[in-house]
Structure formats: C-alpha cells, structure tokens
Amino acid sequence: MYSDTKRLRDNRVTVRFDDYEHDLITALANYQGEQASVLLRQLILREAVSVLGLNENHSDSVSRKSA
C-alpha cells in the first residue's frame, strides 16, 4: 500500500506544556485552522531543518512531506 513504509507516522513523542504554553499553541492552531499536533509537527520539522543548516529548498520539501 505504501511505497516507503518508513514514511508512516507511527512514532510517538510526548511533550508536556504548562497551561500558558498550551493555551498559546491552541490559540495559534485555532487561528491557523489546524489541529495542534499538525501545527507542532510542522514547527518542529521546520526548526530541525533550520538547526541543521539545510538550504531553503530542502525545508520546503520537509514542510510538504509533513503536511
């Protein structure tokens, strides 16, 4: 069914936020019209690409793959 089974999103990471952080994330997700988990995945992957110093073209492909 999937050409690359490693692209399945079945790995889970737990992150804990305080009430203020959670409210901020929820407000941003509501403003963007997305689920908080989708928003966080995009932000985390975008930051990872930035930290690794990959070029801008590579970050676009990561954003599209994470959507």
PDB file of N, CA and C in Angstrom:
ATOM      1  N   MET A   1       0.819  -1.183   0.000  1.00  0.00           N
ATOM      2  CA  MET A   1       0.000   0.000   0.000  1.00  0.00           C
ATOM      3  C   MET A   1       0.875   1.263   0.000  1.00  0.00           C
ATOM      4  N   TYR A   2       1.948   1.288   0.804  1.00  0.00           N
ATOM      5  CA  TYR A   2       2.849   2.430   0.852  1.00  0.00           C
ATOM      6  C   TYR A   2       4.156   2.062   0.173  1.00  0.00           C
ATOM      7  N   SER A   3       4.668   2.973  -0.658  1.00  0.00           N
ATOM      8  CA  SER A   3       5.919   2.691  -1.353  1.00  0.00           C
ATOM      9  C   SER A   3       7.104   2.721  -0.392  1.00  0.00           C
ATOM     10  N   ASP A   4       7.028   3.543   0.652  1.00  0.00           N
ATOM     11  CA  ASP A   4       8.096   3.620   1.646  1.00  0.00           C
ATOM     12  C   ASP A   4       7.462   3.529   3.025  1.00  0.00           C
ATOM     13  N   THR A   5       7.560   2.376   3.646  1.00  0.00           N
ATOM     14  CA  THR A   5       6.893   2.161   4.933  1.00  0.00           C
ATOM     15  C   THR A   5       7.516   2.990   6.058  1.00  0.00           C
ATOM     16  N   LYS A   6       8.709   3.517   5.865  1.00  0.00           N
ATOM     17  CA  LYS A   6       9.320   4.371   6.887  1.00  0.00           C
ATOM     18  C   LYS A   6       8.662   5.747   6.928  1.00  0.00           C
ATOM     19  N   ARG A   7       7.828   6.076   5.943  1.00  0.00           N
ATOM     20  CA  ARG A   7       7.117   7.348   5.934  1.00  0.00           C
ATOM     21  C   ARG A   7       5.830   7.294   6.761  1.00  0.00           C
ATOM     22  N   LEU A   8       5.453   6.123   7.248  1.00  0.00           N
ATOM     23  CA  LEU A   8       4.271   6.017   8.110  1.00  0.00           C
ATOM     24  C   LEU A   8       4.543   6.750   9.419  1.00  0.00           C
ATOM     25  N   ARG A   9       3.586   7.490   9.884  1.00  0.00           N
ATOM     26  CA  ARG A   9       3.761   8.243  11.128  1.00  0.00           C
ATOM     27  C   ARG A   9       3.243   7.420  12.300  1.00  0.00           C
ATOM     28  N   ASP A  10       4.067   6.486  12.734  1.00  0.00           N
ATOM     29  CA  ASP A  10       3.656   5.658  13.865  1.00  0.00           C
ATOM     30  C   ASP A  10       4.598   5.793  15.055  1.00  0.00           C
ATOM     31  N   ASN A  11       5.517   6.759  15.008  1.00  0.00           N
ATOM     32  CA  ASN A  11       6.413   7.030  16.136  1.00  0.00           C
ATOM     33  C   ASN A  11       5.844   8.181  16.951  1.00  0.00           C
ATOM     34  N   ARG A  12       5.773   7.975  18.250  1.00  0.00           N
ATOM     35  CA  ARG A  12       5.145   8.953  19.117  1.00  0.00           C
ATOM     36  C   ARG A  12       6.180   9.552  20.070  1.00  0.00           C
ATOM     37  N   VAL A  13       6.087  10.858  20.275  1.00  0.00           N
ATOM     38  CA  VAL A  13       6.937  11.570  21.227  1.00  0.00           C
ATOM     39  C   VAL A  13       6.010  12.358  22.147  1.00  0.00           C
ATOM     40  N   THR A  14       6.249  12.279  23.434  1.00  0.00           N
ATOM     41  CA  THR A  14       5.426  13.011  24.393  1.00  0.00           C
ATOM     42  C   THR A  14       6.135  14.304  24.776  1.00  0.00           C
ATOM     43  N   VAL A  15       5.407  15.394  24.683  1.00  0.00           N
ATOM     44  CA  VAL A  15       5.910  16.700  25.092  1.00  0.00           C
ATOM     45  C   VAL A  15       4.882  17.286  26.040  1.00  0.00           C
ATOM     46  N   ARG A  16       5.347  17.810  27.133  1.00  0.00           N
ATOM     47  CA  ARG A  16       4.436  18.381  28.132  1.00  0.00           C
ATOM     48  C   ARG A  16       4.563  19.899  28.153  1.00  0.00           C
ATOM     49  N   PHE A  17       3.421  20.582  28.222  1.00  0.00           N
ATOM     50  CA  PHE A  17       3.375  22.034  28.245  1.00  0.00           C
ATOM     51  C   PHE A  17       2.624  22.489  29.490  1.00  0.00           C
ATOM     52  N   ASP A  18       2.986  23.671  29.990  1.00  0.00           N
ATOM     53  CA  ASP A  18       2.196  24.230  31.081  1.00  0.00           C
ATOM     54  C   ASP A  18       0.933  24.851  30.479  1.00  0.00           C
ATOM     55  N   ASP A  19       0.062  25.348  31.324  1.00  0.00           N
ATOM     56  CA  ASP A  19      -1.221  25.874  30.851  1.00  0.00           C
ATOM     57  C   ASP A  19      -1.042  27.039  29.873  1.00  0.00           C
ATOM     58  N   TYR A  20      -0.080  27.918  30.154  1.00  0.00           N
ATOM     59  CA  TYR A  20       0.121  29.088  29.299  1.00  0.00           C
ATOM     60  C   TYR A  20       0.648  28.672  27.921  1.00  0.00           C
ATOM     61  N   GLU A  21       1.600  27.751  27.900  1.00  0.00           N
ATOM     62  CA  GLU A  21       2.136  27.268  26.634  1.00  0.00           C
ATOM     63  C   GLU A  21       1.057  26.551  25.827  1.00  0.00           C
ATOM     64  N   HIS A  22       0.275  25.742  26.509  1.00  0.00           N
ATOM     65  CA  HIS A  22      -0.792  25.009  25.835  1.00  0.00           C
ATOM     66  C   HIS A  22      -1.833  25.962  25.261  1.00  0.00           C
ATOM     67  N   ASP A  23      -2.180  26.992  26.027  1.00  0.00           N
ATOM     68  CA  ASP A  23      -3.138  27.992  25.535  1.00  0.00           C
ATOM     69  C   ASP A  23      -2.605  28.709  24.292  1.00  0.00           C
ATOM     70  N   LEU A  24      -1.308  29.023  24.299  1.00  0.00           N
ATOM     71  CA  LEU A  24      -0.698  29.674  23.143  1.00  0.00           C
ATOM     72  C   LEU A  24      -0.744  28.773  21.917  1.00  0.00           C
ATOM     73  N   ILE A  25      -0.387  27.513  22.087  1.00  0.00           N
ATOM     74  CA  ILE A  25      -0.400  26.560  20.978  1.00  0.00           C
ATOM     75  C   ILE A  25      -1.817  26.372  20.452  1.00  0.00           C
ATOM     76  N   THR A  26      -2.767  26.243  21.359  1.00  0.00           N
ATOM     77  CA  THR A  26      -4.167  26.067  20.969  1.00  0.00           C
ATOM     78  C   THR A  26      -4.683  27.291  20.221  1.00  0.00           C
ATOM     79  N   ALA A  27      -4.350  28.480  20.711  1.00  0.00           N
ATOM     80  CA  ALA A  27      -4.789  29.710  20.046  1.00  0.00           C
ATOM     81  C   ALA A  27      -4.184  29.808  18.644  1.00  0.00           C
ATOM     82  N   LEU A  28      -2.913  29.492  18.508  1.00  0.00           N
ATOM     83  CA  LEU A  28      -2.266  29.548  17.197  1.00  0.00           C
ATOM     84  C   LEU A  28      -2.862  28.516  16.240  1.00  0.00           C
ATOM     85  N   ALA A  29      -3.115  27.320  16.745  1.00  0.00           N
ATOM     86  CA  ALA A  29      -3.728  26.279  15.914  1.00  0.00           C
ATOM     87  C   ALA A  29      -5.126  26.694  15.478  1.00  0.00           C
ATOM     88  N   ASN A  30      -5.903  27.255  16.380  1.00  0.00           N
ATOM     89  CA  ASN A  30      -7.241  27.735  16.029  1.00  0.00           C
ATOM     90  C   ASN A  30      -7.172  28.859  15.000  1.00  0.00           C
ATOM     91  N   TYR A  31      -6.229  29.764  15.177  1.00  0.00           N
ATOM     92  CA  TYR A  31      -6.071  30.879  14.246  1.00  0.00           C
ATOM     93  C   TYR A  31      -5.716  30.368  12.844  1.00  0.00           C
ATOM     94  N   GLN A  32      -4.858  29.352  12.795  1.00  0.00           N
ATOM     95  CA  GLN A  32      -4.428  28.790  11.513  1.00  0.00           C
ATOM     96  C   GLN A  32      -5.445  27.794  10.960  1.00  0.00           C
ATOM     97  N   GLY A  33      -6.394  27.384  11.781  1.00  0.00           N
ATOM     98  CA  GLY A  33      -7.401  26.429  11.342  1.00  0.00           C
ATOM     99  C   GLY A  33      -6.857  25.013  11.215  1.00  0.00           C
ATOM    100  N   GLU A  34      -5.929  24.666  12.091  1.00  0.00           N
ATOM    101  CA  GLU A  34      -5.314  23.345  12.050  1.00  0.00           C
ATOM    102  C   GLU A  34      -5.426  22.680  13.413  1.00  0.00           C
ATOM    103  N   GLN A  35      -5.122  21.397  13.428  1.00  0.00           N
ATOM    104  CA  GLN A  35      -5.003  20.700  14.701  1.00  0.00           C
ATOM    105  C   GLN A  35      -3.662  21.067  15.316  1.00  0.00           C
ATOM    106  N   ALA A  36      -3.614  21.116  16.635  1.00  0.00           N
ATOM    107  CA  ALA A  36      -2.385  21.486  17.326  1.00  0.00           C
ATOM    108  C   ALA A  36      -1.240  20.526  16.987  1.00  0.00           C
ATOM    109  N   SER A  37      -1.542  19.237  16.857  1.00  0.00           N
ATOM    110  CA  SER A  37      -0.490  18.269  16.558  1.00  0.00           C
ATOM    111  C   SER A  37       0.121  18.500  15.181  1.00  0.00           C
ATOM    112  N   VAL A  38      -0.685  18.861  14.205  1.00  0.00           N
ATOM    113  CA  VAL A  38      -0.184  19.141  12.860  1.00  0.00           C
ATOM    114  C   VAL A  38       0.689  20.394  12.893  1.00  0.00           C
ATOM    115  N   LEU A  39       0.221  21.419  13.589  1.00  0.00           N
ATOM    116  CA  LEU A  39       0.975  22.652  13.713  1.00  0.00           C
ATOM    117  C   LEU A  39       2.327  22.389  14.371  1.00  0.00           C
ATOM    118  N   LEU A  40       2.326  21.644  15.460  1.00  0.00           N
ATOM    119  CA  LEU A  40       3.578  21.361  16.168  1.00  0.00           C
ATOM    120  C   LEU A  40       4.536  20.546  15.319  1.00  0.00           C
ATOM    121  N   ARG A  41       4.030  19.563  14.581  1.00  0.00           N
ATOM    122  CA  ARG A  41       4.894  18.765  13.708  1.00  0.00           C
ATOM    123  C   ARG A  41       5.574  19.662  12.690  1.00  0.00           C
ATOM    124  N   GLN A  42       4.817  20.578  12.072  1.00  0.00           N
ATOM    125  CA  GLN A  42       5.390  21.484  11.081  1.00  0.00           C
ATOM    126  C   GLN A  42       6.445  22.398  11.707  1.00  0.00           C
ATOM    127  N   LEU A  43       6.142  22.939  12.878  1.00  0.00           N
ATOM    128  CA  LEU A  43       7.095  23.822  13.548  1.00  0.00           C
ATOM    129  C   LEU A  43       8.372  23.087  13.931  1.00  0.00           C
ATOM    130  N   ILE A  44       8.226  21.889  14.449  1.00  0.00           N
ATOM    131  CA  ILE A  44       9.393  21.108  14.870  1.00  0.00           C
ATOM    132  C   ILE A  44      10.266  20.752  13.671  1.00  0.00           C
ATOM    133  N   LEU A  45       9.659  20.292  12.593  1.00  0.00           N
ATOM    134  CA  LEU A  45      10.442  19.921  11.416  1.00  0.00           C
ATOM    135  C   LEU A  45      11.101  21.144  10.780  1.00  0.00           C
ATOM    136  N   ARG A  46      10.404  22.265  10.755  1.00  0.00           N
ATOM    137  CA  ARG A  46      10.987  23.491  10.210  1.00  0.00           C
ATOM    138  C   ARG A  46      12.187  23.933  11.049  1.00  0.00           C
ATOM    139  N   GLU A  47      12.071  23.841  12.355  1.00  0.00           N
ATOM    140  CA  GLU A  47      13.173  24.212  13.243  1.00  0.00           C
ATOM    141  C   GLU A  47      14.341  23.239  13.105  1.00  0.00           C
ATOM    142  N   ALA A  48      14.052  21.959  12.942  1.00  0.00           N
ATOM    143  CA  ALA A  48      15.111  20.969  12.766  1.00  0.00           C
ATOM    144  C   ALA A  48      15.911  21.250  11.501  1.00  0.00           C
ATOM    145  N   VAL A  49      15.227  21.584  10.416  1.00  0.00           N
ATOM    146  CA  VAL A  49      15.905  21.922   9.163  1.00  0.00           C
ATOM    147  C   VAL A  49      16.765  23.167   9.361  1.00  0.00           C
ATOM    148  N   SER A  50      16.248  24.139  10.090  1.00  0.00           N
ATOM    149  CA  SER A  50      16.988  25.368  10.351  1.00  0.00           C
ATOM    150  C   SER A  50      18.238  25.092  11.183  1.00  0.00           C
ATOM    151  N   VAL A  51      18.113  24.304  12.218  1.00  0.00           N
ATOM    152  CA  VAL A  51      19.243  23.978  13.089  1.00  0.00           C
ATOM    153  C   VAL A  51      20.318  23.222  12.317  1.00  0.00           C
ATOM    154  N   LEU A  52      19.887  22.334  11.432  1.00  0.00           N
ATOM    155  CA  LEU A  52      20.839  21.565  10.635  1.00  0.00           C
ATOM    156  C   LEU A  52      21.496  22.406   9.548  1.00  0.00           C
ATOM    157  N   GLY A  53      20.952  23.585   9.279  1.00  0.00           N
ATOM    158  CA  GLY A  53      21.534  24.470   8.293  1.00  0.00           C
ATOM    159  C   GLY A  53      21.310  24.022   6.868  1.00  0.00           C
ATOM    160  N   LEU A  54      20.239  23.291   6.646  1.00  0.00           N
ATOM    161  CA  LEU A  54      19.929  22.844   5.296  1.00  0.00           C
ATOM    162  C   LEU A  54      19.394  24.020   4.492  1.00  0.00           C
ATOM    163  N   ASN A  55      19.519  23.938   3.170  1.00  0.00           N
ATOM    164  CA  ASN A  55      19.089  25.054   2.329  1.00  0.00           C
ATOM    165  C   ASN A  55      17.574  25.200   2.317  1.00  0.00           C
ATOM    166  N   GLU A  56      17.121  26.315   1.814  1.00  0.00           N
ATOM    167  CA  GLU A  56      15.690  26.642   1.809  1.00  0.00           C
ATOM    168  C   GLU A  56      14.874  25.661   0.987  1.00  0.00           C
ATOM    169  N   ASN A  57      15.402  25.173  -0.122  1.00  0.00           N
ATOM    170  CA  ASN A  57      14.668  24.221  -0.950  1.00  0.00           C
ATOM    171  C   ASN A  57      14.377  22.946  -0.184  1.00  0.00           C
ATOM    172  N   HIS A  58      15.312  22.522   0.632  1.00  0.00           N
ATOM    173  CA  HIS A  58      15.118  21.300   1.399  1.00  0.00           C
ATOM    174  C   HIS A  58      14.019  21.483   2.439  1.00  0.00           C
ATOM    175  N   SER A  59      13.961  22.653   3.083  1.00  0.00           N
ATOM    176  CA  SER A  59      12.934  22.884   4.100  1.00  0.00           C
ATOM    177  C   SER A  59      11.542  22.899   3.488  1.00  0.00           C
ATOM    178  N   ASP A  60      11.420  23.364   2.237  1.00  0.00           N
ATOM    179  CA  ASP A  60      10.109  23.333   1.577  1.00  0.00           C
ATOM    180  C   ASP A  60       9.631  21.905   1.388  1.00  0.00           C
ATOM    181  N   SER A  61      10.535  21.019   1.012  1.00  0.00           N
ATOM    182  CA  SER A  61      10.134  19.631   0.803  1.00  0.00           C
ATOM    183  C   SER A  61       9.766  18.977   2.119  1.00  0.00           C
ATOM    184  N   VAL A  62      10.443  19.348   3.215  1.00  0.00           N
ATOM    185  CA  VAL A  62      10.095  18.803   4.522  1.00  0.00           C
ATOM    186  C   VAL A  62       8.711  19.281   4.930  1.00  0.00           C
ATOM    187  N   SER A  63       8.410  20.552   4.699  1.00  0.00           N
ATOM    188  CA  SER A  63       7.102  21.101   5.060  1.00  0.00           C
ATOM    189  C   SER A  63       5.994  20.403   4.293  1.00  0.00           C
ATOM    190  N   ARG A  64       6.205  20.157   3.004  1.00  0.00           N
ATOM    191  CA  ARG A  64       5.177  19.495   2.212  1.00  0.00           C
ATOM    192  C   ARG A  64       5.009  18.050   2.646  1.00  0.00           C
ATOM    193  N   LYS A  65       6.092  17.370   2.965  1.00  0.00           N
ATOM    194  CA  LYS A  65       6.006  15.980   3.377  1.00  0.00           C
ATOM    195  C   LYS A  65       5.328  15.854   4.738  1.00  0.00           C
ATOM    196  N   SER A  66       5.488  16.881   5.603  1.00  0.00           N
ATOM    197  CA  SER A  66       4.910  16.783   6.931  1.00  0.00           C
ATOM    198  C   SER A  66       3.438  17.151   6.944  1.00  0.00           C
ATOM    199  N   ALA A  67       2.948  17.773   5.910  1.00  0.00           N
ATOM    200  CA  ALA A  67       1.546  18.218   5.873  1.00  0.00           C
ATOM    201  C   ALA A  67       0.587  17.076   5.629  1.00  0.00           C
TER     202      ALA A  67
END
